[in-house]
Amino acid sequence: GELRQKIKEVMVEEHMPDSDAAEIADETAIFGAGGLGLDSVDALQLVVAIEKHFGLKIADAEKAKGVLQSVETIAKAIEAKG
């Protein structure tokens, strides 16, 4: 959907300028081998970007770990805050 597309665009803009948002699947792992390969520094920046663009505050690292698994999990968290 539109929200997931926007999340991908934000991620590409901030972290993966050489990538194409269209190539990121909703379920692709953001971190770790076989995923998009972002690291913990990227994670912090992504938390900031999500707050800036979507108004979702991620208070702690444990919560961030759950939210930042994939585009899908980020979108669900944003939708849940409604």
N, C-alpha and C. Protein backbone atom coordinates (compact mmCIF):
# COMPACT_ATOMS: atom_id res chain seq x y z
N GLY A 1 0.81 -1.21 0.00
CA GLY A 1 0.00 0.00 0.00
C GLY A 1 0.85 1.25 0.00
N GLU A 2 0.18 2.37 0.06
CA GLU A 2 0.84 3.67 0.00
C GLU A 2 1.82 3.88 1.16
N LEU A 3 1.39 3.49 2.36
CA LEU A 3 2.24 3.65 3.55
C LEU A 3 3.54 2.87 3.39
N ARG A 4 3.43 1.62 2.95
CA ARG A 4 4.61 0.78 2.79
C ARG A 4 5.55 1.35 1.74
N GLN A 5 4.97 1.88 0.66
CA GLN A 5 5.77 2.50 -0.39
C GLN A 5 6.54 3.70 0.17
N LYS A 6 5.86 4.51 0.97
CA LYS A 6 6.50 5.70 1.55
C LYS A 6 7.65 5.30 2.49
N ILE A 7 7.43 4.25 3.28
CA ILE A 7 8.49 3.77 4.17
C ILE A 7 9.72 3.37 3.36
N LYS A 8 9.49 2.65 2.27
CA LYS A 8 10.60 2.23 1.41
C LYS A 8 11.34 3.43 0.84
N GLU A 9 10.59 4.44 0.43
CA GLU A 9 11.21 5.63 -0.14
C GLU A 9 12.06 6.35 0.90
N VAL A 10 11.56 6.42 2.13
CA VAL A 10 12.32 7.05 3.22
C VAL A 10 13.60 6.26 3.48
N MET A 11 13.50 4.94 3.51
CA MET A 11 14.67 4.10 3.76
C MET A 11 15.72 4.26 2.66
N VAL A 12 15.27 4.29 1.43
CA VAL A 12 16.20 4.43 0.31
C VAL A 12 16.87 5.81 0.36
N GLU A 13 16.06 6.82 0.59
CA GLU A 13 16.54 8.20 0.63
C GLU A 13 17.61 8.36 1.73
N GLU A 14 17.35 7.78 2.90
CA GLU A 14 18.22 8.02 4.04
C GLU A 14 19.36 7.01 4.17
N HIS A 15 19.18 5.79 3.67
CA HIS A 15 20.15 4.74 3.94
C HIS A 15 20.70 4.02 2.74
N MET A 16 19.94 3.98 1.67
CA MET A 16 20.36 3.14 0.55
C MET A 16 20.19 3.88 -0.77
N PRO A 17 20.91 5.00 -0.92
CA PRO A 17 20.71 5.82 -2.12
C PRO A 17 20.94 5.07 -3.43
N ASP A 18 21.69 3.96 -3.36
CA ASP A 18 21.95 3.20 -4.59
C ASP A 18 20.87 2.17 -4.89
N SER A 19 19.92 2.04 -3.98
CA SER A 19 18.87 1.04 -4.16
C SER A 19 17.63 1.65 -4.79
N ASP A 20 16.73 0.78 -5.18
CA ASP A 20 15.47 1.19 -5.75
C ASP A 20 14.35 0.74 -4.80
N ALA A 21 13.51 1.66 -4.38
CA ALA A 21 12.43 1.33 -3.44
C ALA A 21 11.57 0.19 -3.98
N ALA A 22 11.43 0.12 -5.29
CA ALA A 22 10.59 -0.91 -5.91
C ALA A 22 11.16 -2.31 -5.70
N GLU A 23 12.45 -2.39 -5.38
CA GLU A 23 13.09 -3.70 -5.23
C GLU A 23 12.99 -4.24 -3.80
N ILE A 24 12.50 -3.42 -2.89
CA ILE A 24 12.39 -3.85 -1.49
C ILE A 24 11.01 -4.48 -1.28
N ALA A 25 11.01 -5.73 -0.83
CA ALA A 25 9.73 -6.38 -0.54
C ALA A 25 9.28 -5.98 0.86
N ASP A 26 7.97 -6.01 1.09
CA ASP A 26 7.42 -5.63 2.40
C ASP A 26 8.01 -6.50 3.51
N GLU A 27 8.30 -7.75 3.18
CA GLU A 27 8.74 -8.71 4.20
C GLU A 27 10.25 -8.88 4.28
N THR A 28 11.01 -8.18 3.43
CA THR A 28 12.46 -8.33 3.44
C THR A 28 13.03 -7.90 4.79
N ALA A 29 13.91 -8.72 5.36
CA ALA A 29 14.54 -8.35 6.63
C ALA A 29 15.39 -7.11 6.43
N ILE A 30 15.27 -6.15 7.35
CA ILE A 30 16.02 -4.91 7.23
C ILE A 30 17.47 -5.12 7.67
N PHE A 31 17.65 -5.93 8.71
CA PHE A 31 18.99 -6.17 9.23
C PHE A 31 19.42 -7.61 9.01
N GLY A 32 20.73 -7.83 9.09
CA GLY A 32 21.23 -9.20 9.05
C GLY A 32 21.49 -9.71 7.65
N ALA A 33 22.16 -10.84 7.60
CA ALA A 33 22.51 -11.46 6.34
C ALA A 33 21.25 -11.85 5.58
N GLY A 34 21.28 -11.68 4.30
CA GLY A 34 20.14 -12.06 3.48
C GLY A 34 19.06 -11.00 3.45
N GLY A 35 19.24 -9.95 4.26
CA GLY A 35 18.27 -8.86 4.24
C GLY A 35 18.86 -7.65 3.54
N LEU A 36 18.46 -6.47 3.97
CA LEU A 36 18.95 -5.25 3.35
C LEU A 36 20.33 -4.88 3.88
N GLY A 37 20.74 -5.54 4.97
CA GLY A 37 22.09 -5.37 5.45
C GLY A 37 22.38 -4.07 6.20
N LEU A 38 21.36 -3.44 6.74
CA LEU A 38 21.61 -2.23 7.54
C LEU A 38 22.21 -2.63 8.89
N ASP A 39 22.92 -1.68 9.52
CA ASP A 39 23.55 -1.98 10.81
C ASP A 39 22.94 -1.14 11.93
N SER A 40 23.54 -1.20 13.12
CA SER A 40 22.94 -0.55 14.28
C SER A 40 22.93 0.98 14.16
N VAL A 41 23.92 1.53 13.46
CA VAL A 41 23.93 2.98 13.23
C VAL A 41 22.74 3.36 12.33
N ASP A 42 22.54 2.55 11.29
CA ASP A 42 21.38 2.76 10.42
C ASP A 42 20.09 2.66 11.22
N ALA A 43 20.06 1.73 12.16
CA ALA A 43 18.85 1.52 12.97
C ALA A 43 18.49 2.79 13.71
N LEU A 44 19.48 3.42 14.33
CA LEU A 44 19.22 4.66 15.07
C LEU A 44 18.69 5.74 14.14
N GLN A 45 19.31 5.87 12.97
CA GLN A 45 18.88 6.88 12.01
C GLN A 45 17.48 6.58 11.48
N LEU A 46 17.21 5.30 11.32
CA LEU A 46 15.90 4.89 10.83
C LEU A 46 14.81 5.23 11.85
N VAL A 47 15.12 5.02 13.14
CA VAL A 47 14.18 5.39 14.20
C VAL A 47 13.86 6.88 14.12
N VAL A 48 14.89 7.69 13.92
CA VAL A 48 14.72 9.15 13.81
C VAL A 48 13.89 9.49 12.57
N ALA A 49 14.20 8.83 11.45
CA ALA A 49 13.48 9.09 10.20
C ALA A 49 12.01 8.72 10.31
N ILE A 50 11.73 7.60 10.97
CA ILE A 50 10.34 7.15 11.12
C ILE A 50 9.56 8.14 11.99
N GLU A 51 10.23 8.64 13.02
CA GLU A 51 9.57 9.64 13.86
C GLU A 51 9.30 10.91 13.07
N LYS A 52 10.29 11.34 12.30
CA LYS A 52 10.18 12.58 11.53
C LYS A 52 9.09 12.49 10.46
N HIS A 53 9.10 11.39 9.72
CA HIS A 53 8.18 11.26 8.58
C HIS A 53 6.79 10.75 8.96
N PHE A 54 6.73 9.91 9.98
CA PHE A 54 5.47 9.22 10.28
C PHE A 54 4.94 9.49 11.68
N GLY A 55 5.72 10.22 12.50
CA GLY A 55 5.26 10.56 13.84
C GLY A 55 5.23 9.40 14.81
N LEU A 56 5.92 8.31 14.47
CA LEU A 56 5.95 7.16 15.36
C LEU A 56 7.21 7.23 16.22
N LYS A 57 7.03 7.42 17.51
CA LYS A 57 8.16 7.44 18.44
C LYS A 57 8.45 6.00 18.90
N ILE A 58 9.69 5.59 18.75
CA ILE A 58 10.07 4.25 19.23
C ILE A 58 10.97 4.48 20.44
N ALA A 59 10.41 4.19 21.60
CA ALA A 59 11.03 4.62 22.85
C ALA A 59 12.30 3.89 23.23
N ASP A 60 12.36 2.60 23.00
CA ASP A 60 13.53 1.86 23.47
C ASP A 60 14.02 0.84 22.45
N ALA A 61 15.23 0.36 22.68
CA ALA A 61 15.90 -0.53 21.73
C ALA A 61 15.14 -1.85 21.54
N GLU A 62 14.57 -2.37 22.62
CA GLU A 62 13.83 -3.62 22.51
C GLU A 62 12.62 -3.46 21.59
N LYS A 63 11.90 -2.36 21.79
CA LYS A 63 10.75 -2.10 20.94
C LYS A 63 11.19 -1.88 19.50
N ALA A 64 12.30 -1.15 19.34
CA ALA A 64 12.81 -0.89 18.00
C ALA A 64 13.12 -2.19 17.27
N LYS A 65 13.69 -3.14 18.00
CA LYS A 65 14.04 -4.43 17.41
C LYS A 65 12.80 -5.10 16.82
N GLY A 66 11.70 -5.02 17.54
CA GLY A 66 10.45 -5.60 17.06
C GLY A 66 9.87 -4.87 15.87
N VAL A 67 9.96 -3.54 15.93
CA VAL A 67 9.35 -2.73 14.87
C VAL A 67 10.18 -2.75 13.59
N LEU A 68 11.49 -2.70 13.73
CA LEU A 68 12.36 -2.55 12.57
C LEU A 68 12.78 -3.87 11.92
N GLN A 69 11.87 -4.82 11.88
CA GLN A 69 12.21 -6.10 11.26
C GLN A 69 12.07 -6.05 9.75
N SER A 70 11.03 -5.39 9.30
CA SER A 70 10.77 -5.29 7.86
C SER A 70 9.88 -4.07 7.62
N VAL A 71 9.70 -3.74 6.37
CA VAL A 71 8.78 -2.65 6.02
C VAL A 71 7.39 -2.95 6.59
N GLU A 72 7.01 -4.21 6.50
CA GLU A 72 5.69 -4.63 6.98
C GLU A 72 5.52 -4.35 8.48
N THR A 73 6.53 -4.70 9.29
CA THR A 73 6.40 -4.50 10.74
C THR A 73 6.41 -3.01 11.09
N ILE A 74 7.17 -2.22 10.34
CA ILE A 74 7.16 -0.76 10.55
C ILE A 74 5.77 -0.21 10.23
N ALA A 75 5.22 -0.62 9.10
CA ALA A 75 3.90 -0.14 8.67
C ALA A 75 2.83 -0.51 9.71
N LYS A 76 2.90 -1.73 10.22
CA LYS A 76 1.91 -2.17 11.21
C LYS A 76 2.00 -1.31 12.47
N ALA A 77 3.22 -0.99 12.90
CA ALA A 77 3.40 -0.16 14.08
C ALA A 77 2.84 1.24 13.87
N ILE A 78 3.06 1.78 12.68
CA ILE A 78 2.53 3.12 12.36
C ILE A 78 1.00 3.07 12.32
N GLU A 79 0.46 2.03 11.70
CA GLU A 79 -1.00 1.90 11.63
C GLU A 79 -1.61 1.70 13.02
N ALA A 80 -0.92 0.96 13.86
CA ALA A 80 -1.43 0.67 15.20
C ALA A 80 -1.52 1.93 16.07
N LYS A 81 -0.60 2.87 15.85
CA LYS A 81 -0.64 4.09 16.67
C LYS A 81 -1.81 4.97 16.24
N GLY A 82 -2.27 4.76 14.98
CA GLY A 82 -3.46 5.40 14.45
C GLY A 82 -3.51 6.89 14.67
